[in-house]
PDB file of N, CA and C in Angstrom:
ATOM      1  N   MET A   1     122.805  73.806  70.347  1.00  0.00           N
ATOM      2  CA  MET A   1     123.579  75.038  70.466  1.00  0.00           C
ATOM      3  C   MET A   1     123.582  75.405  72.069  1.00  0.00           C
ATOM      4  N   GLN A   2     124.844  75.983  72.181  1.00  0.00           N
ATOM      5  CA  GLN A   2     125.057  76.051  73.748  1.00  0.00           C
ATOM      6  C   GLN A   2     125.350  77.692  74.071  1.00  0.00           C
ATOM      7  N   ILE A   3     124.769  77.967  74.939  1.00  0.00           N
ATOM      8  CA  ILE A   3     124.717  79.078  75.458  1.00  0.00           C
ATOM      9  C   ILE A   3     125.554  79.620  76.690  1.00  0.00           C
ATOM     10  N   GLU A   4     126.435  80.619  76.899  1.00  0.00           N
ATOM     11  CA  GLU A   4     127.419  80.543  77.657  1.00  0.00           C
ATOM     12  C   GLU A   4     126.858  81.532  78.529  1.00  0.00           C
ATOM     13  N   ALA A   5     126.812  81.497  79.871  1.00  0.00           N
ATOM     14  CA  ALA A   5     126.450  82.299  80.775  1.00  0.00           C
ATOM     15  C   ALA A   5     127.734  83.148  80.900  1.00  0.00           C
ATOM     16  N   ARG A   6     127.177  84.592  81.082  1.00  0.00           N
ATOM     17  CA  ARG A   6     128.381  85.302  81.309  1.00  0.00           C
ATOM     18  C   ARG A   6     127.788  86.252  82.752  1.00  0.00           C
ATOM     19  N   HIS A   7     128.937  86.512  83.657  1.00  0.00           N
ATOM     20  CA  HIS A   7     128.663  87.245  85.207  1.00  0.00           C
ATOM     21  C   HIS A   7     128.618  88.777  84.657  1.00  0.00           C
ATOM     22  N   VAL A   8     127.424  89.223  85.016  1.00  0.00           N
ATOM     23  CA  VAL A   8     127.364  90.489  85.000  1.00  0.00           C
ATOM     24  C   VAL A   8     127.168  91.571  86.234  1.00  0.00           C
ATOM     25  N   ARG A   9     127.704  92.240  86.007  1.00  0.00           N
ATOM     26  CA  ARG A   9     127.735  92.441  87.590  1.00  0.00           C
ATOM     27  C   ARG A   9     127.997  94.045  87.960  1.00  0.00           C
ATOM     28  N   SER A  10     127.002  94.886  88.767  1.00  0.00           N
ATOM     29  CA  SER A  10     127.659  96.143  89.170  1.00  0.00           C
ATOM     30  C   SER A  10     128.416  96.305  90.087  1.00  0.00           C
ATOM     31  N   GLU A  11     128.757  97.290  90.128  1.00  0.00           N
ATOM     32  CA  GLU A  11     129.961  97.519  91.592  1.00  0.00           C
ATOM     33  C   GLU A  11     129.230  99.046  92.391  1.00  0.00           C
ATOM     34  N   ILE A  12     128.909  98.862  93.464  1.00  0.00           N
ATOM     35  CA  ILE A  12     128.803 100.255  94.395  1.00  0.00           C
ATOM     36  C   ILE A  12     129.464 100.417  95.239  1.00  0.00           C
ATOM     37  N   GLY A  13     130.466 102.086  94.750  1.00  0.00           N
ATOM     38  CA  GLY A  13     131.262 102.281  95.791  1.00  0.00           C
ATOM     39  C   GLY A  13     130.812 102.242  97.707  1.00  0.00           C
ATOM     40  N   ARG A  14     132.056 102.938  98.493  1.00  0.00           N
ATOM     41  CA  ARG A  14     131.488 103.440  99.563  1.00  0.00           C
ATOM     42  C   ARG A  14     130.603 105.139  99.701  1.00  0.00           C
ATOM     43  N   HIS A  15     130.047 104.818 100.625  1.00  0.00           N
ATOM     44  CA  HIS A  15     129.185 105.925 100.980  1.00  0.00           C
ATOM     45  C   HIS A  15     128.407 106.500 100.004  1.00  0.00           C
ATOM     46  N   VAL A  16     127.463 105.810  99.548  1.00  0.00           N
ATOM     47  CA  VAL A  16     126.668 106.008  98.514  1.00  0.00           C
ATOM     48  C   VAL A  16     125.196 105.776  99.158  1.00  0.00           C
ATOM     49  N   PHE A  17     124.349 106.665  98.669  1.00  0.00           N
ATOM     50  CA  PHE A  17     122.728 106.778  99.184  1.00  0.00           C
ATOM     51  C   PHE A  17     122.172 106.264  97.712  1.00  0.00           C
ATOM     52  N   ILE A  18     121.321 105.650  97.843  1.00  0.00           N
ATOM     53  CA  ILE A  18     120.269 105.178  96.947  1.00  0.00           C
ATOM     54  C   ILE A  18     118.920 105.124  97.230  1.00  0.00           C
ATOM     55  N   GLY A  19     118.202 106.164  96.643  1.00  0.00           N
ATOM     56  CA  GLY A  19     117.066 106.249  97.085  1.00  0.00           C
ATOM     57  C   GLY A  19     116.185 105.466  96.823  1.00  0.00           C
ATOM     58  N   ALA A  20     114.650 105.265  97.255  1.00  0.00           N
ATOM     59  CA  ALA A  20     113.710 104.057  96.901  1.00  0.00           C
ATOM     60  C   ALA A  20     112.996 104.340  95.450  1.00  0.00           C
ATOM     61  N   GLY A  21     113.114 102.902  94.921  1.00  0.00           N
ATOM     62  CA  GLY A  21     112.609 102.995  93.743  1.00  0.00           C
ATOM     63  C   GLY A  21     113.310 103.085  92.505  1.00  0.00           C
ATOM     64  N   THR A  22     114.918 103.033  92.806  1.00  0.00           N
ATOM     65  CA  THR A  22     115.729 103.343  92.099  1.00  0.00           C
ATOM     66  C   THR A  22     116.470 101.873  91.159  1.00  0.00           C
ATOM     67  N   HIS A  23     116.228 102.247  90.020  1.00  0.00           N
ATOM     68  CA  HIS A  23     116.738 101.084  89.330  1.00  0.00           C
ATOM     69  C   HIS A  23     118.497 100.921  88.754  1.00  0.00           C
ATOM     70  N   ILE A  24     118.576  99.971  89.195  1.00  0.00           N
ATOM     71  CA  ILE A  24     120.420 100.055  88.768  1.00  0.00           C
ATOM     72  C   ILE A  24     120.701  99.051  87.602  1.00  0.00           C
ATOM     73  N   GLY A  25     121.059  99.260  86.422  1.00  0.00           N
ATOM     74  CA  GLY A  25     121.243  98.394  85.414  1.00  0.00           C
ATOM     75  C   GLY A  25     122.410  97.359  85.789  1.00  0.00           C
ATOM     76  N   TYR A  26     122.674  96.597  84.671  1.00  0.00           N
ATOM     77  CA  TYR A  26     124.077  95.774  84.600  1.00  0.00           C
ATOM     78  C   TYR A  26     124.889  96.336  84.434  1.00  0.00           C
ATOM     79  N   ASN A  27     126.147  95.998  84.437  1.00  0.00           N
ATOM     80  CA  ASN A  27     127.657  96.389  84.570  1.00  0.00           C
ATOM     81  C   ASN A  27     127.493  97.805  84.673  1.00  0.00           C
ATOM     82  N   VAL A  28     126.984  98.160  85.596  1.00  0.00           N
ATOM     83  CA  VAL A  28     127.142  99.391  86.154  1.00  0.00           C
ATOM     84  C   VAL A  28     128.141  99.780  87.351  1.00  0.00           C
ATOM     85  N   LYS A  29     129.054 101.053  87.035  1.00  0.00           N
ATOM     86  CA  LYS A  29     129.962 101.293  88.399  1.00  0.00           C
ATOM     87  C   LYS A  29     129.459 102.631  88.980  1.00  0.00           C
ATOM     88  N   ILE A  30     129.087 102.640  90.190  1.00  0.00           N
ATOM     89  CA  ILE A  30     128.747 103.464  91.062  1.00  0.00           C
ATOM     90  C   ILE A  30     129.825 104.022  92.180  1.00  0.00           C
ATOM     91  N   GLU A  31     130.456 104.653  91.770  1.00  0.00           N
ATOM     92  CA  GLU A  31     131.516 105.304  92.644  1.00  0.00           C
ATOM     93  C   GLU A  31     131.400 105.675  93.817  1.00  0.00           C
ATOM     94  N   ASP A  32     132.707 106.017  94.744  1.00  0.00           N
ATOM     95  CA  ASP A  32     132.486 106.590  96.117  1.00  0.00           C
ATOM     96  C   ASP A  32     131.899 107.809  95.747  1.00  0.00           C
ATOM     97  N   ASN A  33     130.927 108.204  97.176  1.00  0.00           N
ATOM     98  CA  ASN A  33     130.448 109.615  97.788  1.00  0.00           C
ATOM     99  C   ASN A  33     129.396 109.765  96.790  1.00  0.00           C
ATOM    100  N   VAL A  34     128.306 109.267  96.794  1.00  0.00           N
ATOM    101  CA  VAL A  34     127.776 109.522  95.395  1.00  0.00           C
ATOM    102  C   VAL A  34     126.045 109.206  96.178  1.00  0.00           C
ATOM    103  N   VAL A  35     125.024 110.682  95.523  1.00  0.00           N
ATOM    104  CA  VAL A  35     123.623 110.424  95.958  1.00  0.00           C
ATOM    105  C   VAL A  35     122.953 109.886  95.008  1.00  0.00           C
ATOM    106  N   VAL A  36     122.323 108.800  94.905  1.00  0.00           N
ATOM    107  CA  VAL A  36     121.075 108.647  93.618  1.00  0.00           C
ATOM    108  C   VAL A  36     119.762 108.971  93.856  1.00  0.00           C
ATOM    109  N   THR A  37     118.901 109.698  93.815  1.00  0.00           N
ATOM    110  CA  THR A  37     117.981 110.250  93.991  1.00  0.00           C
ATOM    111  C   THR A  37     116.694 108.985  93.775  1.00  0.00           C
ATOM    112  N   ALA A  38     115.756 109.316  94.889  1.00  0.00           N
ATOM    113  CA  ALA A  38     114.409 108.260  94.178  1.00  0.00           C
ATOM    114  C   ALA A  38     113.947 108.043  92.910  1.00  0.00           C
ATOM    115  N   GLY A  39     113.397 106.964  92.706  1.00  0.00           N
ATOM    116  CA  GLY A  39     113.075 106.565  91.047  1.00  0.00           C
ATOM    117  C   GLY A  39     114.104 106.784  90.013  1.00  0.00           C
ATOM    118  N   SER A  40     115.282 107.181  90.274  1.00  0.00           N
ATOM    119  CA  SER A  40     116.249 106.856  89.130  1.00  0.00           C
ATOM    120  C   SER A  40     116.610 105.757  88.744  1.00  0.00           C
ATOM    121  N   VAL A  41     117.007 106.114  87.112  1.00  0.00           N
ATOM    122  CA  VAL A  41     117.323 104.539  86.621  1.00  0.00           C
ATOM    123  C   VAL A  41     118.663 104.994  85.899  1.00  0.00           C
ATOM    124  N   VAL A  42     119.519 104.420  86.698  1.00  0.00           N
ATOM    125  CA  VAL A  42     120.593 104.374  86.738  1.00  0.00           C
ATOM    126  C   VAL A  42     121.593 103.409  85.421  1.00  0.00           C
ATOM    127  N   THR A  43     121.796 103.608  84.268  1.00  0.00           N
ATOM    128  CA  THR A  43     122.382 102.999  83.027  1.00  0.00           C
ATOM    129  C   THR A  43     123.699 103.536  82.513  1.00  0.00           C
ATOM    130  N   ASN A  44     124.283 104.036  83.359  1.00  0.00           N
ATOM    131  CA  ASN A  44     125.565 104.198  83.123  1.00  0.00           C
ATOM    132  C   ASN A  44     126.454 104.314  84.056  1.00  0.00           C
ATOM    133  N   ASP A  45     128.206 104.292  84.147  1.00  0.00           N
ATOM    134  CA  ASP A  45     129.039 104.324  85.199  1.00  0.00           C
ATOM    135  C   ASP A  45     128.548 106.317  85.929  1.00  0.00           C
ATOM    136  N   ILE A  46     128.674 106.084  87.130  1.00  0.00           N
ATOM    137  CA  ILE A  46     128.217 107.112  87.739  1.00  0.00           C
ATOM    138  C   ILE A  46     129.835 108.010  88.457  1.00  0.00           C
ATOM    139  N   PRO A  47     130.231 108.985  88.233  1.00  0.00           N
ATOM    140  CA  PRO A  47     131.705 109.579  88.762  1.00  0.00           C
ATOM    141  C   PRO A  47     131.782 109.423  90.439  1.00  0.00           C
ATOM    142  N   SER A  48     132.668 109.736  91.097  1.00  0.00           N
ATOM    143  CA  SER A  48     132.535 109.891  92.494  1.00  0.00           C
ATOM    144  C   SER A  48     132.437 110.894  92.868  1.00  0.00           C
ATOM    145  N   ASN A  49     131.946 111.368  93.812  1.00  0.00           N
ATOM    146  CA  ASN A  49     131.582 113.111  94.274  1.00  0.00           C
ATOM    147  C   ASN A  49     130.483 113.572  93.730  1.00  0.00           C
ATOM    148  N   SER A  50     129.406 113.148  93.353  1.00  0.00           N
ATOM    149  CA  SER A  50     128.526 113.088  92.484  1.00  0.00           C
ATOM    150  C   SER A  50     126.895 113.027  93.134  1.00  0.00           C
ATOM    151  N   VAL A  51     125.722 114.151  92.327  1.00  0.00           N
ATOM    152  CA  VAL A  51     124.514 113.736  92.871  1.00  0.00           C
ATOM    153  C   VAL A  51     123.887 113.655  91.217  1.00  0.00           C
ATOM    154  N   VAL A  52     123.152 112.388  91.338  1.00  0.00           N
ATOM    155  CA  VAL A  52     122.463 112.167  90.052  1.00  0.00           C
ATOM    156  C   VAL A  52     121.002 111.784  90.146  1.00  0.00           C
ATOM    157  N   ARG A  53     119.951 112.201  89.184  1.00  0.00           N
ATOM    158  CA  ARG A  53     118.590 111.829  89.117  1.00  0.00           C
ATOM    159  C   ARG A  53     117.917 111.781  87.675  1.00  0.00           C
ATOM    160  N   GLY A  54     116.907 111.042  87.787  1.00  0.00           N
ATOM    161  CA  GLY A  54     116.250 111.162  86.466  1.00  0.00           C
ATOM    162  C   GLY A  54     116.210 109.725  85.650  1.00  0.00           C
ATOM    163  N   ASN A  55     115.419 109.635  84.334  1.00  0.00           N
ATOM    164  CA  ASN A  55     115.779 108.433  83.804  1.00  0.00           C
ATOM    165  C   ASN A  55     115.883 108.861  82.198  1.00  0.00           C
ATOM    166  N   PRO A  56     117.180 108.214  81.758  1.00  0.00           N
ATOM    167  CA  PRO A  56     118.232 107.717  82.423  1.00  0.00           C
ATOM    168  C   PRO A  56     118.766 108.960  83.436  1.00  0.00           C
ATOM    169  N   ALA A  57     119.268 108.432  84.361  1.00  0.00           N
ATOM    170  CA  ALA A  57     120.442 109.211  85.619  1.00  0.00           C
ATOM    171  C   ALA A  57     121.207 109.802  84.972  1.00  0.00           C
ATOM    172  N   LYS A  58     121.016 111.451  85.468  1.00  0.00           N
ATOM    173  CA  LYS A  58     122.382 112.211  85.018  1.00  0.00           C
ATOM    174  C   LYS A  58     122.800 113.127  85.897  1.00  0.00           C
ATOM    175  N   VAL A  59     124.055 113.358  85.935  1.00  0.00           N
ATOM    176  CA  VAL A  59     124.793 114.115  87.029  1.00  0.00           C
ATOM    177  C   VAL A  59     124.032 115.648  87.226  1.00  0.00           C
ATOM    178  N   ILE A  60     123.430 115.926  88.176  1.00  0.00           N
ATOM    179  CA  ILE A  60     123.072 117.427  88.351  1.00  0.00           C
ATOM    180  C   ILE A  60     123.565 118.404  88.908  1.00  0.00           C
ATOM    181  N   CYS A  61     124.694 117.578  90.101  1.00  0.00           N
ATOM    182  CA  CYS A  61     125.533 119.005  90.602  1.00  0.00           C
ATOM    183  C   CYS A  61     126.974 117.564  91.141  1.00  0.00           C
ATOM    184  N   THR A  62     127.854 118.270  91.796  1.00  0.00           N
ATOM    185  CA  THR A  62     128.865 117.379  92.746  1.00  0.00           C
ATOM    186  C   THR A  62     128.165 117.311  94.007  1.00  0.00           C
ATOM    187  N   LEU A  63     128.301 116.809  94.567  1.00  0.00           N
ATOM    188  CA  LEU A  63     128.180 116.470  96.109  1.00  0.00           C
ATOM    189  C   LEU A  63     128.567 117.924  97.009  1.00  0.00           C
ATOM    190  N   SER A  64     129.805 118.374  96.908  1.00  0.00           N
ATOM    191  CA  SER A  64     130.080 119.475  97.804  1.00  0.00           C
ATOM    192  C   SER A  64     128.668 120.717  97.294  1.00  0.00           C
ATOM    193  N   GLN A  65     128.882 120.686  96.114  1.00  0.00           N
ATOM    194  CA  GLN A  65     127.459 121.716  95.714  1.00  0.00           C
ATOM    195  C   GLN A  65     126.250 121.627  96.297  1.00  0.00           C
ATOM    196  N   PHE A  66     125.813 120.059  96.516  1.00  0.00           N
ATOM    197  CA  PHE A  66     124.492 119.911  97.129  1.00  0.00           C
ATOM    198  C   PHE A  66     124.435 119.764  98.218  1.00  0.00           C
ATOM    199  N   LEU A  67     125.880 119.722  99.141  1.00  0.00           N
ATOM    200  CA  LEU A  67     126.055 119.807 100.809  1.00  0.00           C
ATOM    201  C   LEU A  67     125.602 121.514 100.929  1.00  0.00           C
ATOM    202  N   SER A  68     126.379 122.047 100.364  1.00  0.00           N
ATOM    203  CA  SER A  68     126.143 123.581 100.517  1.00  0.00           C
ATOM    204  C   SER A  68     124.994 124.204 100.263  1.00  0.00           C
ATOM    205  N   ILE A  69     123.996 123.804  99.565  1.00  0.00           N
ATOM    206  CA  ILE A  69     122.650 124.005  98.740  1.00  0.00           C
ATOM    207  C   ILE A  69     122.213 123.601 100.318  1.00  0.00           C
ATOM    208  N   ARG A  70     121.990 122.174 100.626  1.00  0.00           N
ATOM    209  CA  ARG A  70     121.425 122.051 101.691  1.00  0.00           C
ATOM    210  C   ARG A  70     121.480 122.869 103.044  1.00  0.00           C
ATOM    211  N   ALA A  71     122.800 123.122 103.166  1.00  0.00           N
ATOM    212  CA  ALA A  71     123.654 124.023 104.616  1.00  0.00           C
ATOM    213  C   ALA A  71     122.954 125.479 104.488  1.00  0.00           C
ATOM    214  N   ALA A  72     122.886 125.903 103.205  1.00  0.00           N
ATOM    215  CA  ALA A  72     122.000 127.116 103.349  1.00  0.00           C
ATOM    216  C   ALA A  72     120.939 126.752 103.147  1.00  0.00           C
ATOM    217  N   LYS A  73     120.047 126.276 102.829  1.00  0.00           N
ATOM    218  CA  LYS A  73     118.473 125.965 103.204  1.00  0.00           C
ATOM    219  C   LYS A  73     118.416 125.647 104.495  1.00  0.00           C
ATOM    220  N   LYS A  74     119.250 125.260 105.606  1.00  0.00           N
ATOM    221  CA  LYS A  74     118.902 124.963 106.786  1.00  0.00           C
ATOM    222  C   LYS A  74     119.200 126.288 107.496  1.00  0.00           C
ATOM    223  N   HIS A  75     120.141 126.886 107.140  1.00  0.00           N
ATOM    224  CA  HIS A  75     120.691 128.280 107.438  1.00  0.00           C
ATOM    225  C   HIS A  75     119.347 128.997 107.500  1.00  0.00           C
ATOM    226  N   ILE A  76     118.869 129.191 106.201  1.00  0.00           N
ATOM    227  CA  ILE A  76     117.236 130.240 106.187  1.00  0.00           C
ATOM    228  C   ILE A  76     115.959 129.798 107.258  1.00  0.00           C
ATOM    229  N   LEU A  77     115.967 128.405 107.137  1.00  0.00           N
ATOM    230  CA  LEU A  77     114.954 127.695 107.884  1.00  0.00           C
ATOM    231  C   LEU A  77     115.350 127.993 109.309  1.00  0.00           C
ATOM    232  N   VAL A  78     116.337 128.131 110.030  1.00  0.00           N
ATOM    233  CA  VAL A  78     116.672 128.485 111.348  1.00  0.00           C
ATOM    234  C   VAL A  78     116.493 130.039 111.579  1.00  0.00           C
ATOM    235  N   ILE A  79     116.931 130.738 110.893  1.00  0.00           N
ATOM    236  CA  ILE A  79     116.594 132.128 110.752  1.00  0.00           C
ATOM    237  C   ILE A  79     114.787 132.428 110.749  1.00  0.00           C
ATOM    238  N   LEU A  80     114.314 131.981 109.926  1.00  0.00           N
ATOM    239  CA  LEU A  80     112.636 131.946 110.154  1.00  0.00           C
ATOM    240  C   LEU A  80     112.066 131.868 110.943  1.00  0.00           C
ATOM    241  N   ILE A  81     112.594 130.546 112.175  1.00  0.00           N
ATOM    242  CA  ILE A  81     111.772 130.065 113.111  1.00  0.00           C
ATOM    243  C   ILE A  81     112.050 131.008 114.039  1.00  0.00           C
ATOM    244  N   MET A  82     113.733 131.253 114.046  1.00  0.00           N
ATOM    245  CA  MET A  82     113.928 132.407 115.582  1.00  0.00           C
ATOM    246  C   MET A  82     112.897 133.736 115.153  1.00  0.00           C
TER     247      MET A  82
END
C-alpha cells in the first residue's frame, strides 16, 4: 500500500492581525485586511476586510465598522479624561 503525500497549505494575506493562541486549520485562506481575535479557531476561508472570532471563527463585523467603534471609544475616553 502506497500513501501519497498531498501538500496542504494555508494562505494568509497582507495586513492580517492574528491574536495569540489562534489555531489556523489546513487549506484555509485568510484574505487581506483581516483581524482574527485571540484564541480563535479558523476552519473556513475568511473574506477580506473583516473581523472574526470564536470557535469556529465567524465574521462579527467589517474592518471599517470595527475601526469606527474603536475610534468612538477612544473619543469618549479622551472626553472623560479632560
